[in-house]
Amino acid sequence: MTAITVGVLALQGAFVEHIQLLHRAAQSIANGPRKALHQPPHFTFLEVRNADELQACDALILPGGESTSISLIAERTALLDPLRDFVKVQRKPVWGTCAGLILLAESANKSKQSGQELIGGLDVRVQRNYFGRQVESFEADLDLPFLESPFHSVFIRAPVVEKVLPPTNAVSAEKSPDTVLAPPRQATNAPVEILGRLPGRARAIRDKTTTAEELGEDGDIVAVKQGNVFGTAFHPELTGDERIHAWWLTEVVRLKSERIG
């Protein structure tokens, strides 16, 4: 039986919720009516707060929370460069949700005077807090190509992917006073795949009658994948629905087997 250790960055944000759904996802893989894997591995789930814990992981989740806070804590604890190597040199599977998506982008808008450091790994530019005060939080049923039925999810001060960028080694052309860029590492030839867009039937939590479509926001990119890196603008960990976690764990197993093979 293969042993796989999956870490969740536990510096700030919703890391406990991810751990809980990862346990449920592992059980659904092992015991579900249609097993995603013929020989499910033994999963260990680990809260990651330092470089040694990170190095023990085969895969990592960057949770939702406050991206600037996560970045500052990672910098102060000497974890930023190990995270960049994990994602962009070792190319281990990584998933970022909301704030995690911002951190994994190669480019993001500057929303604060202090700015922040990015990890990078996704050749995209992210607009953080895209919906501003107009629709700060809302729910949406998402059609995702790797799930058989819509996924009802929660967006909280959500970012969106506003642009797919050229390969990492060409991203410097995108630099402007209004953006922050991730430091370069090894470029990848893997294309950016768009896996989810915001549908018009999204409804604001505070105003159940207003749709994103009516606000002109239908079709915004909210889920992307590039090689070993997956990013979602929403919070699957806050829904109680473990299906995306289960799918991602099968991706982790697949990517690890390819590396070994």
C-alpha atoms as a PDB file:
ATOM      1  CA  MET A   1       0.000   0.000   0.000  1.00  0.00           C
ATOM      2  CA  THR A   2       1.348   3.403  -0.995  1.00  0.00           C
ATOM      3  CA  ALA A   3       1.778   5.960   1.798  1.00  0.00           C
ATOM      4  CA  ILE A   4       1.063   9.599   0.932  1.00  0.00           C
ATOM      5  CA  THR A   5       1.436  12.569   3.266  1.00  0.00           C
ATOM      6  CA  VAL A   6      -0.694  15.603   2.427  1.00  0.00           C
ATOM      7  CA  GLY A   7       0.055  18.841   4.230  1.00  0.00           C
ATOM      8  CA  VAL A   8      -2.161  21.860   4.838  1.00  0.00           C
ATOM      9  CA  LEU A   9      -0.328  25.129   5.414  1.00  0.00           C
ATOM     10  CA  ALA A  10      -1.397  26.092   8.940  1.00  0.00           C
ATOM     11  CA  LEU A  11      -0.100  29.635   9.348  1.00  0.00           C
ATOM     12  CA  GLN A  12      -3.514  31.336   9.148  1.00  0.00           C
ATOM     13  CA  GLY A  13      -6.927  30.686   7.646  1.00  0.00           C
ATOM     14  CA  ALA A  14      -9.231  27.698   7.232  1.00  0.00           C
ATOM     15  CA  PHE A  15      -6.672  24.902   7.552  1.00  0.00           C
ATOM     16  CA  VAL A  16      -8.688  22.877  10.109  1.00  0.00           C
ATOM     17  CA  GLU A  17     -11.672  22.718   7.750  1.00  0.00           C
ATOM     18  CA  HIS A  18      -9.440  21.363   4.984  1.00  0.00           C
ATOM     19  CA  ILE A  19      -8.048  18.661   7.268  1.00  0.00           C
ATOM     20  CA  GLN A  20     -11.578  17.582   8.188  1.00  0.00           C
ATOM     21  CA  LEU A  21     -12.699  17.294   4.556  1.00  0.00           C
ATOM     22  CA  LEU A  22      -9.486  15.511   3.571  1.00  0.00           C
ATOM     23  CA  HIS A  23     -10.289  12.773   6.096  1.00  0.00           C
ATOM     24  CA  ARG A  24     -13.801  12.472   4.667  1.00  0.00           C
ATOM     25  CA  ALA A  25     -12.442  12.442   1.119  1.00  0.00           C
ATOM     26  CA  ALA A  26      -9.981   9.654   1.921  1.00  0.00           C
ATOM     27  CA  GLN A  27     -12.823   7.598   3.382  1.00  0.00           C
ATOM     28  CA  SER A  28     -15.001   8.183   0.332  1.00  0.00           C
ATOM     29  CA  ILE A  29     -12.157   7.030  -1.920  1.00  0.00           C
ATOM     30  CA  ALA A  30     -11.631   3.864   0.116  1.00  0.00           C
ATOM     31  CA  ASN A  31     -15.247   2.988   0.885  1.00  0.00           C
ATOM     32  CA  GLY A  32     -17.382   4.655  -1.758  1.00  0.00           C
ATOM     33  CA  PRO A  33     -19.710   2.654  -4.037  1.00  0.00           C
ATOM     34  CA  ARG A  34     -17.433   3.486  -6.958  1.00  0.00           C
ATOM     35  CA  LYS A  35     -13.872   3.497  -5.741  1.00  0.00           C
ATOM     36  CA  ALA A  36     -11.760   6.185  -7.377  1.00  0.00           C
ATOM     37  CA  LEU A  37      -8.669   4.019  -6.878  1.00  0.00           C
ATOM     38  CA  HIS A  38      -8.402   0.233  -7.103  1.00  0.00           C
ATOM     39  CA  GLN A  39      -5.811   0.166  -4.313  1.00  0.00           C
ATOM     40  CA  PRO A  40      -6.339   3.275  -2.188  1.00  0.00           C
ATOM     41  CA  PRO A  41      -3.129   4.472  -0.522  1.00  0.00           C
ATOM     42  CA  HIS A  42      -2.724   5.212   3.140  1.00  0.00           C
ATOM     43  CA  PHE A  43      -3.130   8.975   3.555  1.00  0.00           C
ATOM     44  CA  THR A  44      -1.615  10.991   6.377  1.00  0.00           C
ATOM     45  CA  PHE A  45      -2.750  14.597   6.815  1.00  0.00           C
ATOM     46  CA  LEU A  46      -0.382  17.073   8.422  1.00  0.00           C
ATOM     47  CA  GLU A  47      -0.598  20.704   9.559  1.00  0.00           C
ATOM     48  CA  VAL A  48       2.465  22.451   8.117  1.00  0.00           C
ATOM     49  CA  ARG A  49       4.143  25.334   9.947  1.00  0.00           C
ATOM     50  CA  ASN A  50       7.847  24.934   9.147  1.00  0.00           C
ATOM     51  CA  ALA A  51      10.220  23.725   6.451  1.00  0.00           C
ATOM     52  CA  ASP A  52      10.810  20.302   8.013  1.00  0.00           C
ATOM     53  CA  GLU A  53       7.072  19.553   8.073  1.00  0.00           C
ATOM     54  CA  LEU A  54       6.778  20.791   4.483  1.00  0.00           C
ATOM     55  CA  GLN A  55       9.595  18.526   3.323  1.00  0.00           C
ATOM     56  CA  ALA A  56       7.735  15.517   4.770  1.00  0.00           C
ATOM     57  CA  CYS A  57       4.788  16.166   2.442  1.00  0.00           C
ATOM     58  CA  ASP A  58       4.001  14.655  -0.933  1.00  0.00           C
ATOM     59  CA  ALA A  59       1.371  17.333  -1.607  1.00  0.00           C
ATOM     60  CA  LEU A  60       0.136  20.563  -0.041  1.00  0.00           C
ATOM     61  CA  ILE A  61      -3.000  22.701   0.329  1.00  0.00           C
ATOM     62  CA  LEU A  62      -2.793  26.471   0.784  1.00  0.00           C
ATOM     63  CA  PRO A  63      -6.048  27.390   2.556  1.00  0.00           C
ATOM     64  CA  GLY A  64      -8.356  30.352   2.339  1.00  0.00           C
ATOM     65  CA  GLY A  65      -7.710  33.160   4.763  1.00  0.00           C
ATOM     66  CA  GLU A  66      -5.816  36.433   4.444  1.00  0.00           C
ATOM     67  CA  SER A  67      -3.168  36.142   1.731  1.00  0.00           C
ATOM     68  CA  THR A  68      -1.039  39.017   3.024  1.00  0.00           C
ATOM     69  CA  SER A  69      -0.974  37.582   6.546  1.00  0.00           C
ATOM     70  CA  ILE A  70      -0.083  34.102   5.289  1.00  0.00           C
ATOM     71  CA  SER A  71       2.688  35.576   3.145  1.00  0.00           C
ATOM     72  CA  LEU A  72       4.129  37.681   5.986  1.00  0.00           C
ATOM     73  CA  ILE A  73       4.109  34.768   8.441  1.00  0.00           C
ATOM     74  CA  ALA A  74       5.725  32.491   5.862  1.00  0.00           C
ATOM     75  CA  GLU A  75       8.415  35.108   5.242  1.00  0.00           C
ATOM     76  CA  ARG A  76       9.124  35.592   8.957  1.00  0.00           C
ATOM     77  CA  THR A  77       9.358  31.835   9.527  1.00  0.00           C
ATOM     78  CA  ALA A  78      11.698  31.305   6.548  1.00  0.00           C
ATOM     79  CA  LEU A  79       9.071  29.236   4.763  1.00  0.00           C
ATOM     80  CA  LEU A  80       8.581  31.252   1.550  1.00  0.00           C
ATOM     81  CA  ASP A  81      11.560  29.915  -0.374  1.00  0.00           C
ATOM     82  CA  PRO A  82      10.911  26.281   0.653  1.00  0.00           C
ATOM     83  CA  LEU A  83       7.307  26.745  -0.517  1.00  0.00           C
ATOM     84  CA  ARG A  84       8.506  28.098  -3.882  1.00  0.00           C
ATOM     85  CA  ASP A  85      10.856  25.151  -4.297  1.00  0.00           C
ATOM     86  CA  PHE A  86       8.078  22.711  -3.332  1.00  0.00           C
ATOM     87  CA  VAL A  87       5.742  24.167  -5.964  1.00  0.00           C
ATOM     88  CA  LYS A  88       8.043  25.268  -8.789  1.00  0.00           C
ATOM     89  CA  VAL A  89      11.173  23.103  -8.542  1.00  0.00           C
ATOM     90  CA  GLN A  90      10.107  19.819  -6.939  1.00  0.00           C
ATOM     91  CA  ARG A  91       6.747  20.238  -8.724  1.00  0.00           C
ATOM     92  CA  LYS A  92       4.770  18.431  -6.039  1.00  0.00           C
ATOM     93  CA  PRO A  93       0.949  18.676  -6.182  1.00  0.00           C
ATOM     94  CA  VAL A  94      -0.386  21.879  -4.629  1.00  0.00           C
ATOM     95  CA  TRP A  95      -3.923  23.249  -4.300  1.00  0.00           C
ATOM     96  CA  GLY A  96      -4.730  26.803  -3.283  1.00  0.00           C
ATOM     97  CA  THR A  97      -8.213  27.990  -2.249  1.00  0.00           C
ATOM     98  CA  CYS A  98      -9.114  31.709  -2.324  1.00  0.00           C
ATOM     99  CA  ALA A  99      -6.091  33.274  -0.554  1.00  0.00           C
ATOM    100  CA  GLY A 100      -4.138  30.187  -1.607  1.00  0.00           C
ATOM    101  CA  LEU A 101      -4.999  30.886  -5.243  1.00  0.00           C
ATOM    102  CA  ILE A 102      -3.640  34.432  -4.873  1.00  0.00           C
ATOM    103  CA  LEU A 103      -0.386  33.123  -3.392  1.00  0.00           C
ATOM    104  CA  LEU A 104       0.033  30.590  -6.216  1.00  0.00           C
ATOM    105  CA  ALA A 105      -0.475  33.161  -8.977  1.00  0.00           C
ATOM    106  CA  GLU A 106       2.586  34.474 -10.808  1.00  0.00           C
ATOM    107  CA  SER A 107       1.014  37.927 -10.792  1.00  0.00           C
ATOM    108  CA  ALA A 108      -1.574  39.689  -8.610  1.00  0.00           C
ATOM    109  CA  ASN A 109      -2.840  43.223  -8.230  1.00  0.00           C
ATOM    110  CA  LYS A 110      -1.442  45.268  -5.359  1.00  0.00           C
ATOM    111  CA  SER A 111      -4.280  45.914  -2.949  1.00  0.00           C
ATOM    112  CA  LYS A 112      -2.229  47.196  -0.031  1.00  0.00           C
ATOM    113  CA  GLN A 113       0.606  49.687   0.264  1.00  0.00           C
ATOM    114  CA  SER A 114       2.796  47.097   1.952  1.00  0.00           C
ATOM    115  CA  GLY A 115       2.298  44.608  -0.847  1.00  0.00           C
ATOM    116  CA  GLN A 116       3.069  40.937  -0.311  1.00  0.00           C
ATOM    117  CA  GLU A 117       5.247  38.120  -1.527  1.00  0.00           C
ATOM    118  CA  LEU A 118       3.815  35.515  -3.897  1.00  0.00           C
ATOM    119  CA  ILE A 119       4.798  31.874  -4.184  1.00  0.00           C
ATOM    120  CA  GLY A 120       3.808  31.455  -7.824  1.00  0.00           C
ATOM    121  CA  GLY A 121       3.297  28.318  -9.879  1.00  0.00           C
ATOM    122  CA  LEU A 122       0.223  29.308 -11.911  1.00  0.00           C
ATOM    123  CA  ASP A 123       0.860  31.412 -14.996  1.00  0.00           C
ATOM    124  CA  VAL A 124      -2.115  33.671 -14.321  1.00  0.00           C
ATOM    125  CA  ARG A 125      -2.810  37.172 -13.070  1.00  0.00           C
ATOM    126  CA  VAL A 126      -5.253  37.289 -10.172  1.00  0.00           C
ATOM    127  CA  GLN A 127      -7.468  40.181  -9.159  1.00  0.00           C
ATOM    128  CA  ARG A 128      -7.921  39.880  -5.407  1.00  0.00           C
ATOM    129  CA  ASN A 129     -11.195  40.876  -3.731  1.00  0.00           C
ATOM    130  CA  TYR A 130     -12.588  41.153  -7.253  1.00  0.00           C
ATOM    131  CA  PHE A 131     -16.208  41.687  -6.239  1.00  0.00           C
ATOM    132  CA  GLY A 132     -15.351  44.403  -3.720  1.00  0.00           C
ATOM    133  CA  ARG A 133     -18.143  45.677  -1.524  1.00  0.00           C
ATOM    134  CA  GLN A 134     -20.754  45.025  -4.203  1.00  0.00           C
ATOM    135  CA  VAL A 135     -20.910  41.260  -3.698  1.00  0.00           C
ATOM    136  CA  GLU A 136     -18.376  40.461  -0.993  1.00  0.00           C
ATOM    137  CA  SER A 137     -19.763  36.993  -0.317  1.00  0.00           C
ATOM    138  CA  PHE A 138     -22.093  34.813  -2.363  1.00  0.00           C
ATOM    139  CA  GLU A 139     -22.938  31.215  -3.222  1.00  0.00           C
ATOM    140  CA  ALA A 140     -22.812  29.529  -6.611  1.00  0.00           C
ATOM    141  CA  ASP A 141     -23.531  26.164  -8.230  1.00  0.00           C
ATOM    142  CA  LEU A 142     -20.445  25.402 -10.292  1.00  0.00           C
ATOM    143  CA  ASP A 143     -20.214  23.025 -13.226  1.00  0.00           C
ATOM    144  CA  LEU A 144     -16.758  21.471 -12.943  1.00  0.00           C
ATOM    145  CA  PRO A 145     -15.572  19.013 -15.612  1.00  0.00           C
ATOM    146  CA  PHE A 146     -14.185  16.512 -13.101  1.00  0.00           C
ATOM    147  CA  LEU A 147     -17.433  16.197 -11.109  1.00  0.00           C
ATOM    148  CA  GLU A 148     -20.639  14.513 -12.275  1.00  0.00           C
ATOM    149  CA  SER A 149     -23.011  17.079 -10.771  1.00  0.00           C
ATOM    150  CA  PRO A 150     -22.823  20.801  -9.856  1.00  0.00           C
ATOM    151  CA  PHE A 151     -20.821  21.795  -6.800  1.00  0.00           C
ATOM    152  CA  HIS A 152     -22.494  24.305  -4.500  1.00  0.00           C
ATOM    153  CA  SER A 153     -19.752  26.538  -3.163  1.00  0.00           C
ATOM    154  CA  VAL A 154     -19.086  29.675  -1.177  1.00  0.00           C
ATOM    155  CA  PHE A 155     -17.165  32.753  -2.299  1.00  0.00           C
ATOM    156  CA  ILE A 156     -15.913  35.114   0.428  1.00  0.00           C
ATOM    157  CA  ARG A 157     -14.231  38.331  -0.738  1.00  0.00           C
ATOM    158  CA  ALA A 158     -13.156  36.195  -3.637  1.00  0.00           C
ATOM    159  CA  PRO A 159     -10.443  36.759  -6.231  1.00  0.00           C
ATOM    160  CA  VAL A 160     -10.786  35.812  -9.876  1.00  0.00           C
ATOM    161  CA  VAL A 161      -8.289  34.850 -12.543  1.00  0.00           C
ATOM    162  CA  GLU A 162      -8.435  37.846 -14.847  1.00  0.00           C
ATOM    163  CA  LYS A 163      -5.783  36.741 -17.347  1.00  0.00           C
ATOM    164  CA  VAL A 164      -3.810  33.689 -18.418  1.00  0.00           C
ATOM    165  CA  LEU A 165      -0.174  34.773 -18.806  1.00  0.00           C
ATOM    166  CA  PRO A 166       2.667  33.648 -21.050  1.00  0.00           C
ATOM    167  CA  PRO A 167       5.080  31.083 -19.575  1.00  0.00           C
ATOM    168  CA  THR A 168       6.727  32.085 -16.293  1.00  0.00           C
ATOM    169  CA  ASN A 169       9.970  33.194 -17.906  1.00  0.00           C
ATOM    170  CA  ALA A 170       8.010  35.773 -19.916  1.00  0.00           C
ATOM    171  CA  VAL A 171       5.839  37.090 -17.098  1.00  0.00           C
ATOM    172  CA  SER A 172       8.237  39.966 -16.436  1.00  0.00           C
ATOM    173  CA  ALA A 173       6.645  41.702 -19.417  1.00  0.00           C
ATOM    174  CA  GLU A 174       3.457  41.906 -17.331  1.00  0.00           C
ATOM    175  CA  LYS A 175       5.042  43.916 -14.514  1.00  0.00           C
ATOM    176  CA  SER A 176       3.491  47.256 -13.693  1.00  0.00           C
ATOM    177  CA  PRO A 177       3.321  49.538 -10.646  1.00  0.00           C
ATOM    178  CA  ASP A 178      -0.081  48.032  -9.834  1.00  0.00           C
ATOM    179  CA  THR A 179       0.996  44.372  -9.748  1.00  0.00           C
ATOM    180  CA  VAL A 180       3.279  42.144  -7.719  1.00  0.00           C
ATOM    181  CA  LEU A 181       5.136  39.216  -9.312  1.00  0.00           C
ATOM    182  CA  ALA A 182       6.369  35.928  -7.905  1.00  0.00           C
ATOM    183  CA  PRO A 183      10.143  35.342  -8.088  1.00  0.00           C
ATOM    184  CA  PRO A 184      11.055  33.082 -11.026  1.00  0.00           C
ATOM    185  CA  ARG A 185      11.957  29.436 -10.598  1.00  0.00           C
ATOM    186  CA  GLN A 186      11.941  26.642 -13.189  1.00  0.00           C
ATOM    187  CA  ALA A 187       9.438  27.291 -15.975  1.00  0.00           C
ATOM    188  CA  THR A 188       6.917  24.637 -16.985  1.00  0.00           C
ATOM    189  CA  ASN A 189       5.581  23.701 -20.396  1.00  0.00           C
ATOM    190  CA  ALA A 190       2.234  22.628 -18.932  1.00  0.00           C
ATOM    191  CA  PRO A 191      -0.684  24.718 -20.217  1.00  0.00           C
ATOM    192  CA  VAL A 192      -3.110  26.558 -17.955  1.00  0.00           C
ATOM    193  CA  GLU A 193      -6.451  24.724 -17.970  1.00  0.00           C
ATOM    194  CA  ILE A 194      -9.621  26.639 -17.113  1.00  0.00           C
ATOM    195  CA  LEU A 195     -11.731  24.263 -15.010  1.00  0.00           C
ATOM    196  CA  GLY A 196     -14.455  26.534 -13.682  1.00  0.00           C
ATOM    197  CA  ARG A 197     -16.283  29.766 -14.429  1.00  0.00           C
ATOM    198  CA  LEU A 198     -18.753  31.667 -12.313  1.00  0.00           C
ATOM    199  CA  PRO A 199     -22.320  31.055 -13.525  1.00  0.00           C
ATOM    200  CA  GLY A 200     -25.015  33.691 -13.767  1.00  0.00           C
ATOM    201  CA  ARG A 201     -27.122  31.908 -11.178  1.00  0.00           C
ATOM    202  CA  ALA A 202     -24.744  32.828  -8.361  1.00  0.00           C
ATOM    203  CA  ARG A 203     -26.697  34.662  -5.708  1.00  0.00           C
ATOM    204  CA  ALA A 204     -25.465  37.076  -3.100  1.00  0.00           C
ATOM    205  CA  ILE A 205     -25.761  35.807   0.464  1.00  0.00           C
ATOM    206  CA  ARG A 206     -27.073  39.138   1.704  1.00  0.00           C
ATOM    207  CA  ASP A 207     -29.411  39.732  -1.231  1.00  0.00           C
ATOM    208  CA  LYS A 208     -30.915  36.502  -2.540  1.00  0.00           C
ATOM    209  CA  THR A 209     -32.491  38.299  -5.522  1.00  0.00           C
ATOM    210  CA  THR A 210     -29.354  39.694  -7.176  1.00  0.00           C
ATOM    211  CA  THR A 211     -27.399  37.446  -9.536  1.00  0.00           C
ATOM    212  CA  ALA A 212     -23.820  37.769 -10.687  1.00  0.00           C
ATOM    213  CA  GLU A 213     -25.115  37.767 -14.240  1.00  0.00           C
ATOM    214  CA  GLU A 214     -27.138  40.902 -13.551  1.00  0.00           C
ATOM    215  CA  LEU A 215     -23.992  42.542 -12.212  1.00  0.00           C
ATOM    216  CA  GLY A 216     -22.085  41.719 -15.393  1.00  0.00           C
ATOM    217  CA  GLU A 217     -19.855  39.140 -13.712  1.00  0.00           C
ATOM    218  CA  ASP A 218     -21.001  35.963 -15.463  1.00  0.00           C
ATOM    219  CA  GLY A 219     -18.189  33.779 -16.773  1.00  0.00           C
ATOM    220  CA  ASP A 220     -15.338  34.920 -14.534  1.00  0.00           C
ATOM    221  CA  ILE A 221     -12.610  32.267 -14.146  1.00  0.00           C
ATOM    222  CA  VAL A 222     -12.719  30.699 -10.676  1.00  0.00           C
ATOM    223  CA  ALA A 223     -10.823  27.400 -11.083  1.00  0.00           C
ATOM    224  CA  VAL A 224      -7.594  26.681 -12.961  1.00  0.00           C
ATOM    225  CA  LYS A 225      -4.984  23.939 -13.160  1.00  0.00           C
ATOM    226  CA  GLN A 226      -1.463  23.941 -14.546  1.00  0.00           C
ATOM    227  CA  GLY A 227       0.551  20.764 -14.240  1.00  0.00           C
ATOM    228  CA  ASN A 228       0.982  20.077 -10.524  1.00  0.00           C
ATOM    229  CA  VAL A 229      -0.827  23.259  -9.391  1.00  0.00           C
ATOM    230  CA  PHE A 230      -4.589  23.650  -8.868  1.00  0.00           C
ATOM    231  CA  GLY A 231      -6.339  26.818  -7.749  1.00  0.00           C
ATOM    232  CA  THR A 232      -9.910  27.721  -6.820  1.00  0.00           C
ATOM    233  CA  ALA A 233     -11.282  31.171  -5.996  1.00  0.00           C
ATOM    234  CA  PHE A 234     -13.947  29.640  -3.771  1.00  0.00           C
ATOM    235  CA  HIS A 235     -13.955  27.673  -0.492  1.00  0.00           C
ATOM    236  CA  PRO A 236     -14.800  23.969  -0.926  1.00  0.00           C
ATOM    237  CA  GLU A 237     -13.636  23.429   2.656  1.00  0.00           C
ATOM    238  CA  LEU A 238     -16.598  25.451   3.973  1.00  0.00           C
ATOM    239  CA  THR A 239     -19.296  23.405   2.231  1.00  0.00           C
ATOM    240  CA  GLY A 240     -19.129  19.957   3.839  1.00  0.00           C
ATOM    241  CA  ASP A 241     -18.929  18.475   0.315  1.00  0.00           C
ATOM    242  CA  GLU A 242     -15.717  16.457   0.009  1.00  0.00           C
ATOM    243  CA  ARG A 243     -15.947  15.691  -3.727  1.00  0.00           C
ATOM    244  CA  ILE A 244     -13.299  18.192  -4.873  1.00  0.00           C
ATOM    245  CA  HIS A 245     -10.962  17.030  -2.120  1.00  0.00           C
ATOM    246  CA  ALA A 246     -11.497  13.409  -3.210  1.00  0.00           C
ATOM    247  CA  TRP A 247     -10.818  14.296  -6.848  1.00  0.00           C
ATOM    248  CA  TRP A 248      -7.677  16.200  -5.886  1.00  0.00           C
ATOM    249  CA  LEU A 249      -6.393  13.301  -3.782  1.00  0.00           C
ATOM    250  CA  THR A 250      -6.717  11.010  -6.799  1.00  0.00           C
ATOM    251  CA  GLU A 251      -4.727  13.603  -8.769  1.00  0.00           C
ATOM    252  CA  VAL A 252      -2.058  13.547  -6.054  1.00  0.00           C
ATOM    253  CA  VAL A 253      -1.838   9.752  -6.330  1.00  0.00           C
ATOM    254  CA  ARG A 254      -1.642   9.936 -10.127  1.00  0.00           C
ATOM    255  CA  LEU A 255       1.082  12.602 -10.123  1.00  0.00           C
ATOM    256  CA  LYS A 256       3.126  10.734  -7.534  1.00  0.00           C
ATOM    257  CA  SER A 257       2.905   7.481  -9.527  1.00  0.00           C
ATOM    258  CA  GLU A 258       4.046   9.337 -12.654  1.00  0.00           C
ATOM    259  CA  ARG A 259       7.024  10.762 -10.767  1.00  0.00           C
ATOM    260  CA  ILE A 260       7.984   7.327  -9.475  1.00  0.00           C
ATOM    261  CA  GLY A 261       7.434   5.723 -12.871  1.00  0.00           C
END
